Amino acid sequence: MSIRAGGLAIAAAGCVLATPVAVWWLVGDLSVDVPQGTGLDYAFRPPDVDPTVERVAGLGAVVVVVLTLGLLIWAARGRRFDGRWWAALVPALVAGAIAGAGARVVTAGTIGANIGAGLALVGGGVVVGLLLLWSAGWSARLLLSR
């Protein structure tokens, strides 16, 4: 069974796009537990998403990540996926995972200051930016070397 390169590119793109949503859903709400009626402080208010929609989107993203990553690994083992692309794909996946987890940190309800939000924005933002820059540069290198 042969998979066209375009199909593998779509699988890789789907995996990269689904990773932040999957991690965001798997991490879950990080707000502190407080007695009913106690007001929480937010660095950024979380989006008002229906729990059913959140569950469907999160579970769907997890399924997409598992299936596409499995397909890419299977194709790489069969030499149908150029292994050099892992150097671009893995940093993009890690950046997505950091972004998904960071989104939960910055939208967590706290009592007082959310120090983690500042760390996630500054530290996580720099790391995500560097990972995506590497991924884009490596992708360009591979595409231009054809």
Protein backbone atom coordinates (compact mmCIF):
# COMPACT_ATOMS: atom_id res chain seq x y z
CA MET A 1 0.00 0.00 0.00
CA SER A 2 1.50 3.28 -1.06
CA ILE A 3 0.72 6.71 0.32
CA ARG A 4 1.39 9.74 -1.81
CA ALA A 5 3.70 12.43 -0.44
CA GLY A 6 0.79 14.89 -0.41
CA GLY A 7 -1.13 12.61 1.93
CA LEU A 8 1.83 12.44 4.29
CA ALA A 9 2.15 16.23 4.20
CA ILE A 10 -1.53 16.55 5.11
CA ALA A 11 -1.06 14.02 7.92
CA ALA A 12 1.93 15.97 9.26
CA ALA A 13 0.02 19.26 9.07
CA GLY A 14 -2.99 17.70 10.80
CA CYS A 15 -0.76 16.36 13.55
CA VAL A 16 0.89 19.75 14.09
CA LEU A 17 -2.47 21.57 14.17
CA ALA A 18 -4.18 19.03 16.46
CA THR A 19 -1.35 18.80 19.01
CA PRO A 20 -2.04 22.09 20.88
CA VAL A 21 -5.76 21.27 21.15
CA ALA A 22 -5.05 17.71 22.33
CA VAL A 23 -2.58 18.87 24.99
CA TRP A 24 -4.89 21.72 26.05
CA TRP A 25 -7.71 19.23 26.58
CA LEU A 26 -5.54 16.62 28.30
CA VAL A 27 -4.08 19.19 30.75
CA GLY A 28 -7.55 20.41 31.71
CA ASP A 29 -8.53 23.39 33.81
CA LEU A 30 -5.74 24.43 36.20
CA SER A 31 -7.82 26.83 38.29
CA VAL A 32 -7.42 26.55 42.05
CA ASP A 33 -10.13 24.86 44.08
CA VAL A 34 -11.86 27.41 46.28
CA PRO A 35 -15.12 27.48 48.21
CA GLN A 36 -18.21 28.31 46.18
CA GLY A 37 -18.64 32.05 45.73
CA THR A 38 -14.96 32.92 46.07
CA GLY A 39 -13.83 35.12 43.20
CA LEU A 40 -10.85 34.06 41.13
CA ASP A 41 -8.32 36.31 39.44
CA TYR A 42 -7.38 35.66 35.82
CA ALA A 43 -4.43 36.78 33.73
CA PHE A 44 -6.68 35.97 30.75
CA ARG A 45 -10.21 34.68 31.03
CA PRO A 46 -10.66 31.23 29.51
CA PRO A 47 -12.97 30.99 26.51
CA ASP A 48 -16.54 30.10 27.34
CA VAL A 49 -16.74 26.69 25.68
CA ASP A 50 -19.56 24.25 26.25
CA PRO A 51 -18.17 21.17 28.08
CA THR A 52 -19.54 18.84 25.39
CA VAL A 53 -17.86 20.84 22.62
CA GLU A 54 -14.63 20.89 24.64
CA ARG A 55 -14.76 17.12 25.12
CA VAL A 56 -15.51 16.40 21.44
CA ALA A 57 -12.78 18.80 20.20
CA GLY A 58 -10.24 17.47 22.69
CA LEU A 59 -10.97 13.82 22.06
CA GLY A 60 -11.05 14.43 18.30
CA ALA A 61 -7.66 16.16 18.47
CA VAL A 62 -6.17 13.29 20.47
CA VAL A 63 -7.47 10.81 17.87
CA VAL A 64 -6.04 12.92 15.02
CA VAL A 65 -2.62 13.12 16.73
CA VAL A 66 -2.49 9.40 17.45
CA LEU A 67 -3.62 8.38 13.96
CA THR A 68 -1.47 10.83 12.01
CA LEU A 69 1.62 10.22 14.13
CA GLY A 70 1.09 6.48 13.74
CA LEU A 71 0.74 6.89 9.98
CA LEU A 72 3.92 8.98 9.78
CA ILE A 73 5.90 6.50 11.87
CA TRP A 74 4.58 3.60 9.78
CA ALA A 75 5.50 5.44 6.56
CA ALA A 76 8.97 6.29 7.91
CA ARG A 77 9.64 2.67 8.84
CA GLY A 78 8.64 1.63 5.32
CA ARG A 79 10.91 4.32 3.83
CA ARG A 80 7.94 6.16 2.31
CA PHE A 81 8.51 9.21 4.53
CA ASP A 82 11.87 10.97 4.32
CA GLY A 83 13.36 10.76 7.81
CA ARG A 84 14.98 14.17 7.46
CA TRP A 85 11.52 15.71 7.93
CA TRP A 86 11.43 14.55 11.56
CA ALA A 87 13.90 17.37 12.33
CA ALA A 88 11.22 19.84 11.24
CA LEU A 89 8.16 17.97 12.50
CA VAL A 90 9.24 17.16 16.06
CA PRO A 91 10.08 20.77 17.02
CA ALA A 92 6.71 21.91 15.62
CA LEU A 93 4.94 19.23 17.68
CA VAL A 94 6.84 20.23 20.83
CA ALA A 95 5.98 23.89 20.19
CA GLY A 96 2.31 22.95 19.88
CA ALA A 97 2.42 20.97 23.10
CA ILE A 98 4.02 23.88 24.95
CA ALA A 99 1.44 26.27 23.50
CA GLY A 100 -1.47 24.00 24.51
CA ALA A 101 -0.20 23.59 28.06
CA GLY A 102 0.69 27.28 28.26
CA ALA A 103 -2.85 28.23 27.25
CA ARG A 104 -4.15 26.34 30.29
CA VAL A 105 -1.63 28.06 32.57
CA VAL A 106 -2.44 31.61 31.43
CA THR A 107 -6.21 31.02 31.69
CA ALA A 108 -6.09 29.39 35.13
CA GLY A 109 -8.10 31.06 37.86
CA THR A 110 -5.98 31.94 40.89
CA ILE A 111 -6.20 33.81 44.14
CA GLY A 112 -3.85 36.72 43.59
CA ALA A 113 -1.15 36.88 40.96
CA ASN A 114 -0.72 34.10 38.41
CA ILE A 115 3.08 33.91 38.32
CA GLY A 116 2.91 30.90 36.01
CA ALA A 117 1.11 32.99 33.39
CA GLY A 118 4.02 35.41 33.14
CA LEU A 119 6.53 32.58 32.99
CA ALA A 120 4.47 30.75 30.36
CA LEU A 121 4.14 33.86 28.20
CA VAL A 122 7.75 34.98 28.42
CA GLY A 123 9.63 31.69 28.70
CA GLY A 124 7.20 29.54 26.76
CA GLY A 125 6.75 32.18 24.10
CA VAL A 126 10.49 32.35 23.45
CA VAL A 127 10.85 28.57 23.34
CA VAL A 128 7.85 28.18 21.02
CA GLY A 129 9.19 30.92 18.76
CA LEU A 130 12.63 29.31 18.55
CA LEU A 131 11.17 25.86 17.89
CA LEU A 132 8.95 27.18 15.09
CA LEU A 133 11.82 29.17 13.62
CA TRP A 134 13.96 26.02 13.56
CA SER A 135 11.11 24.01 12.04
CA ALA A 136 10.48 26.59 9.31
CA GLY A 137 14.19 26.93 8.53
CA TRP A 138 14.73 23.18 8.33
CA SER A 139 11.62 22.80 6.15
CA ALA A 140 12.86 25.50 3.80
CA ARG A 141 16.26 23.83 3.62
CA LEU A 142 14.72 20.51 2.68
CA LEU A 143 12.40 22.04 0.10
CA LEU A 144 15.15 24.09 -1.52
CA SER A 145 17.56 21.15 -1.70
CA ARG A 146 15.25 19.21 -4.03
